[in-house]
Protein backbone atom coordinates (compact mmCIF):
# COMPACT_ATOMS: atom_id res chain seq x y z
CA UNK A 1 127.45 107.75 74.65
CA UNK A 2 130.05 105.64 76.68
CA UNK A 3 131.13 106.81 80.15
CA UNK A 4 134.61 108.01 79.03
CA UNK A 5 133.26 110.17 76.35
CA UNK A 6 130.82 111.64 78.84
CA UNK A 7 133.40 112.21 81.38
CA UNK A 8 135.37 114.24 78.76
CA UNK A 9 132.05 116.25 77.90
CA UNK A 10 131.57 116.82 81.72
CA UNK A 11 135.02 118.43 82.11
CA UNK A 12 134.39 120.65 79.08
CA UNK A 13 130.94 121.66 80.70
CA UNK A 14 132.67 122.73 83.92
CA UNK A 15 134.90 125.01 81.90
CA UNK A 16 131.89 126.45 80.04
CA UNK A 17 129.99 127.05 83.15
CA UNK A 18 132.98 128.98 84.66
CA UNK A 19 134.12 130.86 81.61
CA UNK A 20 131.11 131.43 79.41
CA UNK A 21 127.96 131.48 81.66
CA UNK A 22 126.16 133.75 79.14
CA UNK A 23 126.28 130.62 76.65
CA UNK A 24 123.14 128.94 78.63
CA UNK A 25 120.84 131.75 77.82
CA UNK A 26 121.81 131.50 74.00
CA UNK A 27 121.35 127.85 73.94
CA UNK A 28 117.89 128.37 75.67
CA UNK A 29 116.84 130.77 72.81
CA UNK A 30 118.15 128.57 69.93
CA UNK A 31 116.87 125.11 71.25
CA UNK A 32 114.96 123.30 68.52
CA UNK A 33 111.53 122.72 70.01
CA UNK A 34 108.74 120.11 69.18
CA UNK A 35 105.04 119.90 69.68
CA UNK A 36 103.58 118.69 72.95
CA UNK A 37 101.73 115.69 71.57
CA UNK A 38 103.73 112.89 70.27
CA UNK A 39 102.91 110.58 67.24
CA UNK A 40 101.51 107.93 69.65
CA UNK A 41 99.52 110.05 71.79
CA UNK A 42 101.62 109.04 74.83
CA UNK A 43 104.40 110.96 76.66
CA UNK A 44 107.32 109.67 78.44
CA UNK A 45 109.26 112.28 80.41
CA UNK A 46 112.34 111.65 82.65
CA UNK A 47 112.03 113.24 85.96
CA UNK A 48 115.36 114.57 87.41
CA UNK A 49 114.27 116.96 90.11
CA UNK A 50 114.38 114.84 93.24
CA UNK A 51 117.76 116.04 94.43
CA UNK A 52 116.62 119.56 94.66
CA UNK A 53 114.27 118.72 97.47
CA UNK A 54 116.97 116.74 99.26
CA UNK A 55 115.81 113.32 98.10
CA UNK A 56 118.91 111.45 97.10
CA UNK A 57 117.93 107.74 97.63
CA UNK A 58 116.91 105.17 94.80
CA UNK A 59 116.11 101.70 95.85
CA UNK A 60 118.43 100.57 98.72
CA UNK A 61 121.08 103.25 98.07
CA UNK A 62 120.61 106.29 100.16
CA UNK A 63 122.86 108.44 98.03
CA UNK A 64 122.21 107.26 94.53
CA UNK A 65 121.52 110.65 93.19
CA UNK A 66 124.37 112.35 95.03
CA UNK A 67 126.89 112.33 92.31
CA UNK A 68 125.83 115.12 89.97
CA UNK A 69 128.11 113.85 87.21
CA UNK A 70 126.52 110.26 87.47
CA UNK A 71 123.00 111.66 87.53
CA UNK A 72 123.54 113.70 84.26
CA UNK A 73 124.89 110.58 82.52
CA UNK A 74 122.02 108.69 83.54
CA UNK A 75 119.68 111.21 82.21
CA UNK A 76 121.47 111.47 78.91
CA UNK A 77 121.31 107.60 78.51
CA UNK A 78 117.52 107.84 79.30
CA UNK A 79 117.09 110.49 76.61
CA UNK A 80 118.67 108.21 74.02
CA UNK A 81 116.07 105.38 74.59
CA UNK A 82 113.37 105.09 71.93
CA UNK A 83 110.02 106.56 72.92
CA UNK A 84 111.34 109.14 75.43
CA UNK A 85 109.92 112.43 74.85
CA UNK A 86 111.74 114.74 77.22
CA UNK A 87 112.81 115.73 80.70
CA UNK A 88 111.39 117.26 83.87
CA UNK A 89 114.26 119.13 85.72
CA UNK A 90 115.39 121.98 87.87
CA UNK A 91 117.20 124.97 86.25
CA UNK A 92 120.76 123.66 86.96
CA UNK A 93 119.99 120.20 85.41
CA UNK A 94 118.12 121.95 82.31
CA UNK A 95 120.99 124.28 81.89
CA UNK A 96 123.63 121.42 82.06
CA UNK A 97 121.61 119.38 79.61
CA UNK A 98 121.35 122.19 77.23
CA UNK A 99 125.20 122.56 77.30
CA UNK A 100 125.55 118.92 76.58
CA UNK A 101 123.33 119.36 73.55
CA UNK A 102 120.67 116.80 74.76
CA UNK A 103 117.47 118.85 74.50
CA UNK A 104 116.86 119.69 70.83
CA UNK A 105 113.59 118.16 69.58
CA UNK A 106 112.78 117.39 73.24
CA UNK A 107 110.07 118.55 75.61
CA UNK A 108 111.49 120.32 78.55
CA UNK A 109 109.47 121.05 81.68
CA UNK A 110 110.92 123.26 84.47
CA UNK A 111 110.42 121.99 88.13
CA UNK A 112 108.78 124.56 89.98
CA UNK A 113 108.31 123.98 93.75
CA UNK A 114 111.20 122.13 95.56
CA UNK A 115 111.12 123.99 98.89
CA UNK A 116 109.50 120.91 100.85
CA UNK A 117 112.77 119.24 101.73
CA UNK A 118 112.58 115.46 102.35
CA UNK A 119 112.61 114.53 105.93
CA UNK A 120 112.03 118.13 107.29
CA UNK A 121 109.21 119.44 109.42
CA UNK A 122 108.16 121.62 106.58
CA UNK A 123 108.40 118.84 103.94
CA UNK A 124 104.65 119.33 102.94
CA UNK A 125 105.06 123.08 102.55
CA UNK A 126 106.25 122.89 99.02
CA UNK A 127 107.31 126.50 98.37
CA UNK A 128 108.08 127.60 94.90
CA UNK A 129 111.91 127.75 94.95
CA UNK A 130 112.74 126.61 91.46
CA UNK A 131 111.17 128.03 88.08
CA UNK A 132 108.34 130.36 88.31
CA UNK A 133 105.96 131.15 85.20
CA UNK A 134 107.99 133.96 84.08
CA UNK A 135 111.14 132.13 84.13
CA UNK A 136 109.74 129.19 82.35
CA UNK A 137 108.68 131.43 79.45
CA UNK A 138 111.84 133.23 79.42
CA UNK A 139 113.92 130.16 79.14
CA UNK A 140 111.75 128.93 76.15
CA UNK A 141 110.70 125.84 78.08
CA UNK A 142 107.74 123.90 77.04
CA UNK A 143 105.87 124.21 80.52
CA UNK A 144 106.22 123.92 84.05
CA UNK A 145 105.69 120.94 86.59
CA UNK A 146 104.46 121.37 90.16
CA UNK A 147 103.74 118.80 92.81
CA UNK A 148 100.68 119.26 94.84
CA UNK A 149 100.76 117.10 97.95
CA UNK A 150 97.70 117.74 100.20
CA UNK A 151 97.54 116.59 103.98
CA UNK A 152 94.20 117.37 105.30
CA UNK A 153 95.59 117.65 108.80
CA UNK A 154 98.41 120.12 107.83
CA UNK A 155 97.41 123.89 107.46
CA UNK A 156 100.28 124.44 105.29
CA UNK A 157 98.36 122.67 102.47
CA UNK A 158 96.10 125.48 101.95
CA UNK A 159 98.89 127.75 101.16
CA UNK A 160 100.27 125.09 98.68
CA UNK A 161 97.08 124.77 96.94
CA UNK A 162 96.78 128.75 96.58
CA UNK A 163 100.29 128.80 95.25
CA UNK A 164 99.68 125.99 92.82
CA UNK A 165 96.72 127.82 91.53
CA UNK A 166 98.64 130.98 90.81
CA UNK A 167 101.34 128.97 89.09
CA UNK A 168 98.96 127.38 86.79
CA UNK A 169 97.37 130.76 85.85
CA UNK A 170 100.76 132.27 85.22
CA UNK A 171 101.79 129.28 82.96
CA UNK A 172 98.53 129.66 81.17
CA UNK A 173 99.13 133.37 80.68
CA UNK A 174 102.35 132.51 78.97
CA UNK A 175 100.60 129.92 76.79
CA UNK A 176 102.77 127.04 78.01
CA UNK A 177 101.94 123.63 79.48
CA UNK A 178 101.22 123.28 83.25
CA UNK A 179 101.96 119.74 84.53
CA UNK A 180 100.38 119.14 88.07
CA UNK A 181 101.45 116.21 90.11
CA UNK A 182 98.50 115.78 92.94
CA UNK A 183 98.69 113.34 95.66
CA UNK A 184 96.86 112.83 99.13
CA UNK A 185 99.44 112.67 102.02
CA UNK A 186 99.59 111.95 105.60
CA UNK A 187 102.48 112.12 108.21
CA UNK A 188 103.70 109.00 110.02
CA UNK A 189 106.63 107.98 112.16
CA UNK A 190 108.52 107.29 109.06
CA UNK A 191 107.86 110.60 107.38
CA UNK A 192 105.38 111.72 104.65
CA UNK A 193 103.48 108.85 103.14
CA UNK A 194 101.44 109.29 100.00
CA UNK A 195 98.05 107.27 99.86
CA UNK A 196 98.35 105.69 96.43
CA UNK A 197 94.72 104.22 96.64
CA UNK A 198 92.41 105.11 93.68
CA UNK A 199 90.04 106.96 96.08
CA UNK A 200 92.67 109.16 97.58
CA UNK A 201 94.15 110.00 94.10
CA UNK A 202 90.64 110.76 92.76
CA UNK A 203 90.22 113.19 95.75
CA UNK A 204 93.60 114.96 95.18
CA UNK A 205 92.80 115.47 91.53
């Protein structure tokens, strides 16, 4: 899809959102779904939930993800690439992609905890402000994704671990996939830093 054609669709999307908000629910119910496992045994999912936690930077551009239309266009382009299985996104992005007819025969995982805003003093207190297990199921999604950043020196990590456990149990009760993104973290002068060493990742898992 070229940029001009997409801009026309984007204009129609705004009108649909404003005039026919109930259409989203119908699209969720009628979306053609697929099995989780692909033919190759591998999964490639496009993650499009960073802006919901205030993370707008990509590379050297501090506001690369700030333009909503451009973000949607890039996700649509990525979904057209061979081998891409689906998307991980917050409800607003999922709904827009549905209305743009980009999610049939794709895996769709709802992003759940985005309350730990980037750069804030509560960044590691990843509250569940996105999808919950019930809304994942009600929206006919294939599962939910939650991040689990653990800082052994931050007492809020205990609450995040507990909330993650409840979320996984809730998704399991609905019979849908739970995708957990664990990491071992620490605060520094520059903000939260994830320890990417093998030992730290094994401990987080």
